[in-house]
C-alpha atoms as a PDB file:
ATOM      1  CA  UNK A   1     -12.325   3.355   4.737  1.00  0.00           C
ATOM      2  CA  UNK A   2     -14.409   4.123   7.844  1.00  0.00           C
ATOM      3  CA  UNK A   3     -13.133   6.496  10.546  1.00  0.00           C
ATOM      4  CA  UNK A   4     -12.265   4.822  13.828  1.00  0.00           C
ATOM      5  CA  UNK A   5      -9.959   6.983  15.878  1.00  0.00           C
ATOM      6  CA  UNK A   6     -10.149   4.651  18.913  1.00  0.00           C
ATOM      7  CA  UNK A   7      -8.991   1.575  17.043  1.00  0.00           C
ATOM      8  CA  UNK A   8      -5.539   0.582  18.366  1.00  0.00           C
ATOM      9  CA  UNK A   9      -5.000  -2.254  15.781  1.00  0.00           C
ATOM     10  CA  UNK A  10      -2.923  -0.241  13.320  1.00  0.00           C
ATOM     11  CA  UNK A  11       0.145  -2.229  12.170  1.00  0.00           C
ATOM     12  CA  UNK A  12       1.944   1.166  12.314  1.00  0.00           C
ATOM     13  CA  UNK A  13       0.953   1.926  15.816  1.00  0.00           C
ATOM     14  CA  UNK A  14       4.583   2.021  17.130  1.00  0.00           C
ATOM     15  CA  UNK A  15       5.288   4.774  14.641  1.00  0.00           C
ATOM     16  CA  UNK A  16       2.432   7.010  15.568  1.00  0.00           C
ATOM     17  CA  UNK A  17       0.334   6.224  18.650  1.00  0.00           C
ATOM     18  CA  UNK A  18      -2.060   3.350  19.550  1.00  0.00           C
ATOM     19  CA  UNK A  19      -5.109   5.593  18.994  1.00  0.00           C
ATOM     20  CA  UNK A  20      -4.094   7.689  16.025  1.00  0.00           C
ATOM     21  CA  UNK A  21      -5.547   5.720  13.096  1.00  0.00           C
ATOM     22  CA  UNK A  22      -8.684   7.207  11.574  1.00  0.00           C
ATOM     23  CA  UNK A  23      -8.925   5.127   8.419  1.00  0.00           C
ATOM     24  CA  UNK A  24      -7.359   2.071   6.835  1.00  0.00           C
ATOM     25  CA  UNK A  25      -7.340  -0.036   3.717  1.00  0.00           C
ATOM     26  CA  UNK A  26      -7.227  -3.256   5.890  1.00  0.00           C
ATOM     27  CA  UNK A  27     -10.726  -4.112   4.740  1.00  0.00           C
ATOM     28  CA  UNK A  28      -9.885  -4.034   1.022  1.00  0.00           C
ATOM     29  CA  UNK A  29      -7.703  -6.329  -1.040  1.00  0.00           C
ATOM     30  CA  UNK A  30      -4.529  -4.415  -1.582  1.00  0.00           C
ATOM     31  CA  UNK A  31      -1.727  -6.970  -1.808  1.00  0.00           C
ATOM     32  CA  UNK A  32       1.434  -6.274   0.090  1.00  0.00           C
ATOM     33  CA  UNK A  33       0.509  -2.665   0.983  1.00  0.00           C
ATOM     34  CA  UNK A  34      -1.385  -0.778   3.619  1.00  0.00           C
ATOM     35  CA  UNK A  35      -2.875   2.686   3.259  1.00  0.00           C
ATOM     36  CA  UNK A  36      -3.859   4.553   6.499  1.00  0.00           C
ATOM     37  CA  UNK A  37      -4.797   8.033   7.553  1.00  0.00           C
ATOM     38  CA  UNK A  38      -3.424   9.036  10.997  1.00  0.00           C
ATOM     39  CA  UNK A  39      -3.909  11.783  13.505  1.00  0.00           C
ATOM     40  CA  UNK A  40      -0.640  11.985  15.350  1.00  0.00           C
ATOM     41  CA  UNK A  41      -0.544  13.789  18.691  1.00  0.00           C
ATOM     42  CA  UNK A  42       2.431  15.916  19.648  1.00  0.00           C
ATOM     43  CA  UNK A  43       4.993  14.329  21.905  1.00  0.00           C
ATOM     44  CA  UNK A  44       7.978  11.791  21.677  1.00  0.00           C
ATOM     45  CA  UNK A  45       8.273   8.585  19.811  1.00  0.00           C
ATOM     46  CA  UNK A  46      11.319   6.768  20.904  1.00  0.00           C
ATOM     47  CA  UNK A  47      13.530   4.871  18.413  1.00  0.00           C
ATOM     48  CA  UNK A  48      11.822   1.756  17.064  1.00  0.00           C
ATOM     49  CA  UNK A  49      12.184  -0.727  14.239  1.00  0.00           C
ATOM     50  CA  UNK A  50       9.615  -1.469  11.443  1.00  0.00           C
ATOM     51  CA  UNK A  51       9.546  -4.211   8.913  1.00  0.00           C
ATOM     52  CA  UNK A  52       7.561  -1.881   6.635  1.00  0.00           C
ATOM     53  CA  UNK A  53       8.754   0.569   3.973  1.00  0.00           C
ATOM     54  CA  UNK A  54       6.705   3.669   4.504  1.00  0.00           C
ATOM     55  CA  UNK A  55       5.904   6.905   2.758  1.00  0.00           C
ATOM     56  CA  UNK A  56       4.201   9.570   4.841  1.00  0.00           C
ATOM     57  CA  UNK A  57       2.196  12.389   3.074  1.00  0.00           C
ATOM     58  CA  UNK A  58       1.588  15.195   5.542  1.00  0.00           C
ATOM     59  CA  UNK A  59      -1.848  16.704   5.286  1.00  0.00           C
ATOM     60  CA  UNK A  60      -1.066  19.293   7.933  1.00  0.00           C
ATOM     61  CA  UNK A  61       2.124  21.252   8.853  1.00  0.00           C
ATOM     62  CA  UNK A  62       4.447  19.643  11.384  1.00  0.00           C
ATOM     63  CA  UNK A  63       7.115  21.055  13.656  1.00  0.00           C
ATOM     64  CA  UNK A  64       9.498  18.387  14.904  1.00  0.00           C
ATOM     65  CA  UNK A  65      13.040  17.157  15.530  1.00  0.00           C
ATOM     66  CA  UNK A  66      14.656  13.723  15.071  1.00  0.00           C
ATOM     67  CA  UNK A  67      17.877  12.148  16.176  1.00  0.00           C
ATOM     68  CA  UNK A  68      20.344  12.367  13.269  1.00  0.00           C
ATOM     69  CA  UNK A  69      23.864  11.203  12.822  1.00  0.00           C
ATOM     70  CA  UNK A  70      26.000  11.441  15.910  1.00  0.00           C
ATOM     71  CA  UNK A  71      22.982  11.276  18.150  1.00  0.00           C
ATOM     72  CA  UNK A  72      22.216  14.940  17.810  1.00  0.00           C
ATOM     73  CA  UNK A  73      18.647  16.267  17.351  1.00  0.00           C
ATOM     74  CA  UNK A  74      17.947  17.832  14.056  1.00  0.00           C
ATOM     75  CA  UNK A  75      15.140  20.356  13.707  1.00  0.00           C
ATOM     76  CA  UNK A  76      12.696  19.808  10.823  1.00  0.00           C
ATOM     77  CA  UNK A  77       9.554  21.620   9.881  1.00  0.00           C
ATOM     78  CA  UNK A  78       7.253  20.196   7.142  1.00  0.00           C
ATOM     79  CA  UNK A  79       4.380  21.906   5.331  1.00  0.00           C
ATOM     80  CA  UNK A  80       1.254  20.410   4.013  1.00  0.00           C
ATOM     81  CA  UNK A  81       2.081  18.120   1.045  1.00  0.00           C
ATOM     82  CA  UNK A  82       5.658  17.196   2.200  1.00  0.00           C
ATOM     83  CA  UNK A  83       6.631  13.570   2.088  1.00  0.00           C
ATOM     84  CA  UNK A  84       8.747  11.619   4.597  1.00  0.00           C
ATOM     85  CA  UNK A  85      10.501   8.437   3.520  1.00  0.00           C
ATOM     86  CA  UNK A  86      11.164   5.760   6.135  1.00  0.00           C
ATOM     87  CA  UNK A  87      12.580   2.467   4.757  1.00  0.00           C
ATOM     88  CA  UNK A  88      12.208  -0.687   6.658  1.00  0.00           C
ATOM     89  CA  UNK A  89      14.662  -0.926   9.705  1.00  0.00           C
ATOM     90  CA  UNK A  90      15.506   1.425  12.563  1.00  0.00           C
ATOM     91  CA  UNK A  91      13.300   4.533  12.965  1.00  0.00           C
ATOM     92  CA  UNK A  92      15.029   7.468  14.740  1.00  0.00           C
ATOM     93  CA  UNK A  93      13.619   8.980  17.987  1.00  0.00           C
ATOM     94  CA  UNK A  94      11.215  11.724  16.988  1.00  0.00           C
ATOM     95  CA  UNK A  95       9.826  14.625  19.044  1.00  0.00           C
ATOM     96  CA  UNK A  96       6.950  16.532  17.465  1.00  0.00           C
ATOM     97  CA  UNK A  97       5.885  19.920  18.789  1.00  0.00           C
ATOM     98  CA  UNK A  98       2.457  20.041  17.109  1.00  0.00           C
ATOM     99  CA  UNK A  99      -0.414  17.670  16.572  1.00  0.00           C
ATOM    100  CA  UNK A 100      -0.465  16.559  12.897  1.00  0.00           C
ATOM    101  CA  UNK A 101      -2.127  14.416  10.313  1.00  0.00           C
ATOM    102  CA  UNK A 102      -0.612  12.239   7.623  1.00  0.00           C
ATOM    103  CA  UNK A 103      -1.450   9.535   5.127  1.00  0.00           C
ATOM    104  CA  UNK A 104       0.784   6.492   5.368  1.00  0.00           C
ATOM    105  CA  UNK A 105       1.552   4.164   2.521  1.00  0.00           C
ATOM    106  CA  UNK A 106       3.300   1.029   3.938  1.00  0.00           C
ATOM    107  CA  UNK A 107       4.816  -1.760   1.798  1.00  0.00           C
ATOM    108  CA  UNK A 108       6.096  -5.072   3.048  1.00  0.00           C
ATOM    109  CA  UNK A 109       9.487  -6.483   2.113  1.00  0.00           C
ATOM    110  CA  UNK A 110       8.112  -9.095  -0.277  1.00  0.00           C
ATOM    111  CA  UNK A 111       6.157  -6.530  -2.211  1.00  0.00           C
ATOM    112  CA  UNK A 112       9.161  -4.195  -2.569  1.00  0.00           C
ATOM    113  CA  UNK A 113      11.331  -7.129  -3.504  1.00  0.00           C
ATOM    114  CA  UNK A 114       8.908  -8.137  -6.281  1.00  0.00           C
ATOM    115  CA  UNK A 115       9.031  -4.620  -7.724  1.00  0.00           C
ATOM    116  CA  UNK A 116      12.819  -4.557  -7.691  1.00  0.00           C
ATOM    117  CA  UNK A 117      13.018  -7.892  -9.429  1.00  0.00           C
ATOM    118  CA  UNK A 118      10.966  -6.656 -12.354  1.00  0.00           C
ATOM    119  CA  UNK A 119      12.940  -3.409 -13.076  1.00  0.00           C
ATOM    120  CA  UNK A 120      14.977  -3.263 -16.303  1.00  0.00           C
ATOM    121  CA  UNK A 121      17.737  -1.403 -14.392  1.00  0.00           C
ATOM    122  CA  UNK A 122      18.325  -1.833 -10.673  1.00  0.00           C
ATOM    123  CA  UNK A 123      18.553   1.332  -8.660  1.00  0.00           C
ATOM    124  CA  UNK A 124      22.239   2.252  -7.816  1.00  0.00           C
ATOM    125  CA  UNK A 125      21.401   2.928  -4.202  1.00  0.00           C
ATOM    126  CA  UNK A 126      18.584   1.999  -1.720  1.00  0.00           C
ATOM    127  CA  UNK A 127      16.139   4.534  -0.371  1.00  0.00           C
ATOM    128  CA  UNK A 128      17.286   6.117   2.841  1.00  0.00           C
ATOM    129  CA  UNK A 129      15.470   7.947   5.618  1.00  0.00           C
ATOM    130  CA  UNK A 130      14.489  11.376   4.241  1.00  0.00           C
ATOM    131  CA  UNK A 131      12.537  13.660   6.593  1.00  0.00           C
ATOM    132  CA  UNK A 132      11.249  15.984   3.913  1.00  0.00           C
ATOM    133  CA  UNK A 133      10.792  15.397   0.176  1.00  0.00           C
ATOM    134  CA  UNK A 134       8.721  17.231  -2.419  1.00  0.00           C
ATOM    135  CA  UNK A 135       7.495  14.907  -5.196  1.00  0.00           C
ATOM    136  CA  UNK A 136       4.348  15.760  -7.124  1.00  0.00           C
ATOM    137  CA  UNK A 137       3.973  12.279  -8.681  1.00  0.00           C
ATOM    138  CA  UNK A 138       4.286  10.447  -5.403  1.00  0.00           C
ATOM    139  CA  UNK A 139       1.846  12.834  -3.772  1.00  0.00           C
ATOM    140  CA  UNK A 140      -0.725  12.287  -6.470  1.00  0.00           C
ATOM    141  CA  UNK A 141      -0.395   8.519  -6.428  1.00  0.00           C
ATOM    142  CA  UNK A 142      -0.787   8.406  -2.740  1.00  0.00           C
ATOM    143  CA  UNK A 143      -3.887  10.665  -2.810  1.00  0.00           C
ATOM    144  CA  UNK A 144      -5.486   8.478  -5.569  1.00  0.00           C
ATOM    145  CA  UNK A 145      -4.850   5.297  -3.580  1.00  0.00           C
ATOM    146  CA  UNK A 146      -6.397   6.923  -0.429  1.00  0.00           C
ATOM    147  CA  UNK A 147      -9.423   8.125  -2.377  1.00  0.00           C
ATOM    148  CA  UNK A 148      -9.918   4.613  -3.850  1.00  0.00           C
ATOM    149  CA  UNK A 149      -9.725   3.013  -0.408  1.00  0.00           C
ATOM    150  CA  UNK A 150     -12.063   5.632   1.238  1.00  0.00           C
ATOM    151  CA  UNK A 151     -14.636   4.877  -1.550  1.00  0.00           C
ATOM    152  CA  UNK A 152     -14.539   1.130  -0.886  1.00  0.00           C
ATOM    153  CA  UNK A 153     -12.345   0.328  -3.853  1.00  0.00           C
ATOM    154  CA  UNK A 154     -15.148   0.767  -6.439  1.00  0.00           C
ATOM    155  CA  UNK A 155     -12.787   0.807  -9.397  1.00  0.00           C
ATOM    156  CA  UNK A 156     -11.578  -2.723  -8.849  1.00  0.00           C
ATOM    157  CA  UNK A 157      -8.400  -4.508  -8.089  1.00  0.00           C
ATOM    158  CA  UNK A 158      -6.664  -3.796 -11.349  1.00  0.00           C
ATOM    159  CA  UNK A 159      -6.844   0.001 -10.813  1.00  0.00           C
ATOM    160  CA  UNK A 160      -5.493  -0.238  -7.129  1.00  0.00           C
ATOM    161  CA  UNK A 161      -2.717  -2.640  -8.296  1.00  0.00           C
ATOM    162  CA  UNK A 162      -1.647  -0.225 -10.997  1.00  0.00           C
ATOM    163  CA  UNK A 163      -1.510   2.682  -8.594  1.00  0.00           C
ATOM    164  CA  UNK A 164       0.426   0.604  -5.980  1.00  0.00           C
ATOM    165  CA  UNK A 165       2.893  -0.619  -8.640  1.00  0.00           C
ATOM    166  CA  UNK A 166       3.606   2.915  -9.909  1.00  0.00           C
ATOM    167  CA  UNK A 167       4.012   4.236  -6.378  1.00  0.00           C
ATOM    168  CA  UNK A 168       6.414   1.386  -5.373  1.00  0.00           C
ATOM    169  CA  UNK A 169       8.592   2.065  -8.463  1.00  0.00           C
ATOM    170  CA  UNK A 170       8.829   5.735  -7.436  1.00  0.00           C
ATOM    171  CA  UNK A 171       9.718   4.663  -3.910  1.00  0.00           C
ATOM    172  CA  UNK A 172      12.624   2.316  -4.870  1.00  0.00           C
ATOM    173  CA  UNK A 173      13.971   4.940  -7.227  1.00  0.00           C
ATOM    174  CA  UNK A 174      14.147   7.545  -4.465  1.00  0.00           C
ATOM    175  CA  UNK A 175      17.741   6.568  -3.627  1.00  0.00           C
ATOM    176  CA  UNK A 176      18.922   7.582  -7.064  1.00  0.00           C
ATOM    177  CA  UNK A 177      20.927  10.670  -7.384  1.00  0.00           C
ATOM    178  CA  UNK A 178      18.941  11.521 -10.532  1.00  0.00           C
ATOM    179  CA  UNK A 179      15.312  10.540  -9.994  1.00  0.00           C
ATOM    180  CA  UNK A 180      13.160   8.795 -12.490  1.00  0.00           C
ATOM    181  CA  UNK A 181      15.880   8.446 -15.204  1.00  0.00           C
ATOM    182  CA  UNK A 182      14.122   7.127 -18.271  1.00  0.00           C
ATOM    183  CA  UNK A 183      15.485   4.090 -20.070  1.00  0.00           C
ATOM    184  CA  UNK A 184      16.271   5.145 -23.629  1.00  0.00           C
ATOM    185  CA  UNK A 185      15.487   1.852 -25.329  1.00  0.00           C
ATOM    186  CA  UNK A 186      12.106   1.631 -26.879  1.00  0.00           C
ATOM    187  CA  UNK A 187       9.506  -0.656 -25.406  1.00  0.00           C
ATOM    188  CA  UNK A 188       8.270  -3.380 -27.777  1.00  0.00           C
ATOM    189  CA  UNK A 189       4.600  -4.314 -28.079  1.00  0.00           C
ATOM    190  CA  UNK A 190       3.175  -7.492 -26.718  1.00  0.00           C
ATOM    191  CA  UNK A 191       3.400 -10.475 -29.137  1.00  0.00           C
ATOM    192  CA  UNK A 192       0.083 -10.991 -30.965  1.00  0.00           C
ATOM    193  CA  UNK A 193      -0.553 -14.336 -29.249  1.00  0.00           C
ATOM    194  CA  UNK A 194      -0.014 -12.835 -25.688  1.00  0.00           C
ATOM    195  CA  UNK A 195      -2.097  -9.746 -26.412  1.00  0.00           C
ATOM    196  CA  UNK A 196      -4.902 -11.994 -27.717  1.00  0.00           C
ATOM    197  CA  UNK A 197      -4.831 -14.076 -24.486  1.00  0.00           C
ATOM    198  CA  UNK A 198      -4.998 -10.975 -22.277  1.00  0.00           C
ATOM    199  CA  UNK A 199      -7.806  -9.337 -24.245  1.00  0.00           C
ATOM    200  CA  UNK A 200      -9.803 -12.646 -24.032  1.00  0.00           C
ATOM    201  CA  UNK A 201      -9.207 -12.842 -20.354  1.00  0.00           C
ATOM    202  CA  UNK A 202     -10.467  -9.200 -19.963  1.00  0.00           C
ATOM    203  CA  UNK A 203     -13.585  -9.967 -22.088  1.00  0.00           C
ATOM    204  CA  UNK A 204     -14.437 -12.908 -19.757  1.00  0.00           C
ATOM    205  CA  UNK A 205     -13.864 -10.958 -16.581  1.00  0.00           C
ATOM    206  CA  UNK A 206     -16.561  -8.249 -16.657  1.00  0.00           C
ATOM    207  CA  UNK A 207     -18.319  -9.687 -13.637  1.00  0.00           C
ATOM    208  CA  UNK A 208     -15.238 -10.541 -11.615  1.00  0.00           C
ATOM    209  CA  UNK A 209     -12.076  -8.914 -10.317  1.00  0.00           C
ATOM    210  CA  UNK A 210      -9.077  -8.935 -12.550  1.00  0.00           C
ATOM    211  CA  UNK A 211      -5.626  -8.087 -11.152  1.00  0.00           C
ATOM    212  CA  UNK A 212      -2.547  -6.642 -12.742  1.00  0.00           C
ATOM    213  CA  UNK A 213      -0.616  -9.733 -11.613  1.00  0.00           C
ATOM    214  CA  UNK A 214      -3.129 -12.139 -13.246  1.00  0.00           C
ATOM    215  CA  UNK A 215      -2.951 -10.302 -16.554  1.00  0.00           C
ATOM    216  CA  UNK A 216       0.884 -10.198 -16.504  1.00  0.00           C
ATOM    217  CA  UNK A 217       0.919 -13.964 -15.840  1.00  0.00           C
ATOM    218  CA  UNK A 218      -1.503 -14.501 -18.737  1.00  0.00           C
ATOM    219  CA  UNK A 219       0.909 -12.671 -20.980  1.00  0.00           C
ATOM    220  CA  UNK A 220       4.024 -14.402 -19.582  1.00  0.00           C
ATOM    221  CA  UNK A 221       5.782 -11.203 -18.441  1.00  0.00           C
ATOM    222  CA  UNK A 222       6.566  -9.373 -15.189  1.00  0.00           C
ATOM    223  CA  UNK A 223       4.119  -6.763 -14.114  1.00  0.00           C
ATOM    224  CA  UNK A 224       6.519  -3.971 -15.039  1.00  0.00           C
ATOM    225  CA  UNK A 225       7.214  -5.310 -18.539  1.00  0.00           C
ATOM    226  CA  UNK A 226       3.508  -6.115 -19.080  1.00  0.00           C
ATOM    227  CA  UNK A 227       2.413  -2.592 -18.195  1.00  0.00           C
ATOM    228  CA  UNK A 228       4.790  -0.986 -20.678  1.00  0.00           C
ATOM    229  CA  UNK A 229       4.188  -3.544 -23.475  1.00  0.00           C
ATOM    230  CA  UNK A 230       0.381  -3.413 -23.140  1.00  0.00           C
ATOM    231  CA  UNK A 231       0.412   0.383 -23.356  1.00  0.00           C
ATOM    232  CA  UNK A 232       2.574   0.218 -26.434  1.00  0.00           C
ATOM    233  CA  UNK A 233       0.197  -2.332 -27.924  1.00  0.00           C
ATOM    234  CA  UNK A 234      -3.131  -0.614 -27.187  1.00  0.00           C
ATOM    235  CA  UNK A 235      -2.260   3.069 -26.425  1.00  0.00           C
ATOM    236  CA  UNK A 236      -3.754   2.751 -22.919  1.00  0.00           C
ATOM    237  CA  UNK A 237      -3.137   1.147 -19.524  1.00  0.00           C
ATOM    238  CA  UNK A 238      -4.800  -2.186 -18.640  1.00  0.00           C
ATOM    239  CA  UNK A 239      -7.204  -0.348 -16.311  1.00  0.00           C
ATOM    240  CA  UNK A 240      -8.125   2.113 -18.981  1.00  0.00           C
ATOM    241  CA  UNK A 241      -8.696  -0.673 -21.444  1.00  0.00           C
ATOM    242  CA  UNK A 242     -10.940  -2.556 -19.000  1.00  0.00           C
ATOM    243  CA  UNK A 243     -12.931   0.540 -18.269  1.00  0.00           C
ATOM    244  CA  UNK A 244     -13.393   1.172 -22.021  1.00  0.00           C
ATOM    245  CA  UNK A 245     -14.572  -2.333 -22.716  1.00  0.00           C
ATOM    246  CA  UNK A 246     -16.985  -2.376 -19.822  1.00  0.00           C
ATOM    247  CA  UNK A 247     -18.447   0.959 -21.019  1.00  0.00           C
ATOM    248  CA  UNK A 248     -18.773  -0.541 -24.512  1.00  0.00           C
ATOM    249  CA  UNK A 249     -20.631  -3.478 -23.046  1.00  0.00           C
ATOM    250  CA  UNK A 250     -22.866  -1.192 -20.995  1.00  0.00           C
ATOM    251  CA  UNK A 251     -23.800   0.714 -24.149  1.00  0.00           C
ATOM    252  CA  UNK A 252     -24.738  -2.523 -25.830  1.00  0.00           C
ATOM    253  CA  UNK A 253     -26.899  -3.770 -22.818  1.00  0.00           C
ATOM    254  CA  UNK A 254     -28.656  -0.423 -22.493  1.00  0.00           C
ATOM    255  CA  UNK A 255     -30.297  -1.183 -25.830  1.00  0.00           C
ATOM    256  CA  UNK A 256     -32.165  -3.970 -24.103  1.00  0.00           C
ATOM    257  CA  UNK A 257     -34.824  -2.000 -22.334  1.00  0.00           C
ATOM    258  CA  UNK A 258     -36.003  -5.028 -20.346  1.00  0.00           C
ATOM    259  CA  UNK A 259     -32.774  -4.743 -18.354  1.00  0.00           C
ATOM    260  CA  UNK A 260     -32.716  -2.242 -15.458  1.00  0.00           C
ATOM    261  CA  UNK A 261     -29.723   0.028 -15.131  1.00  0.00           C
ATOM    262  CA  UNK A 262     -28.709  -1.628 -11.895  1.00  0.00           C
ATOM    263  CA  UNK A 263     -28.665  -5.029 -13.822  1.00  0.00           C
ATOM    264  CA  UNK A 264     -26.509  -3.499 -16.551  1.00  0.00           C
ATOM    265  CA  UNK A 265     -24.073  -2.141 -13.831  1.00  0.00           C
ATOM    266  CA  UNK A 266     -23.801  -5.618 -12.278  1.00  0.00           C
ATOM    267  CA  UNK A 267     -23.306  -7.365 -15.612  1.00  0.00           C
ATOM    268  CA  UNK A 268     -20.556  -4.961 -16.597  1.00  0.00           C
ATOM    269  CA  UNK A 269     -18.652  -5.303 -13.390  1.00  0.00           C
ATOM    270  CA  UNK A 270     -19.434  -2.014 -11.763  1.00  0.00           C
ATOM    271  CA  UNK A 271     -19.852  -1.957  -7.938  1.00  0.00           C
ATOM    272  CA  UNK A 272     -23.147  -0.093  -8.050  1.00  0.00           C
ATOM    273  CA  UNK A 273     -25.532   1.859 -10.333  1.00  0.00           C
ATOM    274  CA  UNK A 274     -23.987   5.003  -9.007  1.00  0.00           C
ATOM    275  CA  UNK A 275     -20.526   3.874  -9.964  1.00  0.00           C
ATOM    276  CA  UNK A 276     -21.694   2.985 -13.448  1.00  0.00           C
ATOM    277  CA  UNK A 277     -23.339   6.384 -13.833  1.00  0.00           C
ATOM    278  CA  UNK A 278     -20.257   8.202 -12.785  1.00  0.00           C
ATOM    279  CA  UNK A 279     -17.835   6.365 -15.052  1.00  0.00           C
ATOM    280  CA  UNK A 280     -20.338   6.261 -17.951  1.00  0.00           C
ATOM    281  CA  UNK A 281     -20.845  10.053 -17.831  1.00  0.00           C
ATOM    282  CA  UNK A 282     -17.083  10.657 -17.747  1.00  0.00           C
ATOM    283  CA  UNK A 283     -16.580   8.661 -20.882  1.00  0.00           C
ATOM    284  CA  UNK A 284     -19.785   9.108 -22.867  1.00  0.00           C
ATOM    285  CA  UNK A 285     -20.904  12.539 -21.728  1.00  0.00           C
ATOM    286  CA  UNK A 286     -24.316  11.546 -20.509  1.00  0.00           C
ATOM    287  CA  UNK A 287     -25.718   9.255 -17.853  1.00  0.00           C
ATOM    288  CA  UNK A 288     -26.906   5.688 -18.718  1.00  0.00           C
ATOM    289  CA  UNK A 289     -30.532   6.815 -18.309  1.00  0.00           C
ATOM    290  CA  UNK A 290     -30.028   9.744 -20.764  1.00  0.00           C
ATOM    291  CA  UNK A 291     -28.132   7.459 -23.118  1.00  0.00           C
ATOM    292  CA  UNK A 292     -31.028   4.972 -23.125  1.00  0.00           C
ATOM    293  CA  UNK A 293     -33.640   7.809 -23.774  1.00  0.00           C
ATOM    294  CA  UNK A 294     -31.788   9.016 -26.930  1.00  0.00           C
ATOM    295  CA  UNK A 295     -31.352   5.532 -28.492  1.00  0.00           C
END
């Protein structure tokens, strides 16, 4: 996610300023979502309307005021790590007294609608404008998505899809009086035939991208149901399983000394030798080169 502070093409320009964007996920395949980092100058942003559902994670403190009910300005100060929730629709006039920086996570209506349609229990209320929220899970998910985009999405589409799906569920549940209420009913495992199809699809996808949506379609379930059922069946998320199988495959190929490590990385679906080395060391405890030497 390359820095470009003079690029006015941000889809969120009306909510910040035409020259505030310093990074974006526009160049990566994140379906229905947009992750951007913004430097926002102090000043006034007049009331506007957006068709995006947006979570803002403030990476600096901010002193501001916004027009609340009755047309009166409401003073609001945010510290680093605070989250602002702005659902699609009218955005109130905002006056900021300090320069600030924020990560924005924008979701279009179709994406949010698809998430809602997959929930076992529909939220009792819709998210509303909230100037300051503290939520550790949302903060961590937004940070992981930004890190993935900044690195050029090396972990693949399935990883980004899973993060985006989890974050969207947290967003649509923000309107609840009691957040993140757990459904008490147990989650069943995937039927054997469905699990077999999914695992076979993964085995034949080492050298290509595999998405959460495509695996869910293979199983015949919605993304939300598929995630829960796959984890019940295997004890891990789809992304964790894919990484495990790619590492297993890499260990097998490293026994063939005629193959270079960069060839092993490509054959196992890693974006580079460095990416393979990083993930391999995390899971095996040594680098691929060290592993090959001790065979």
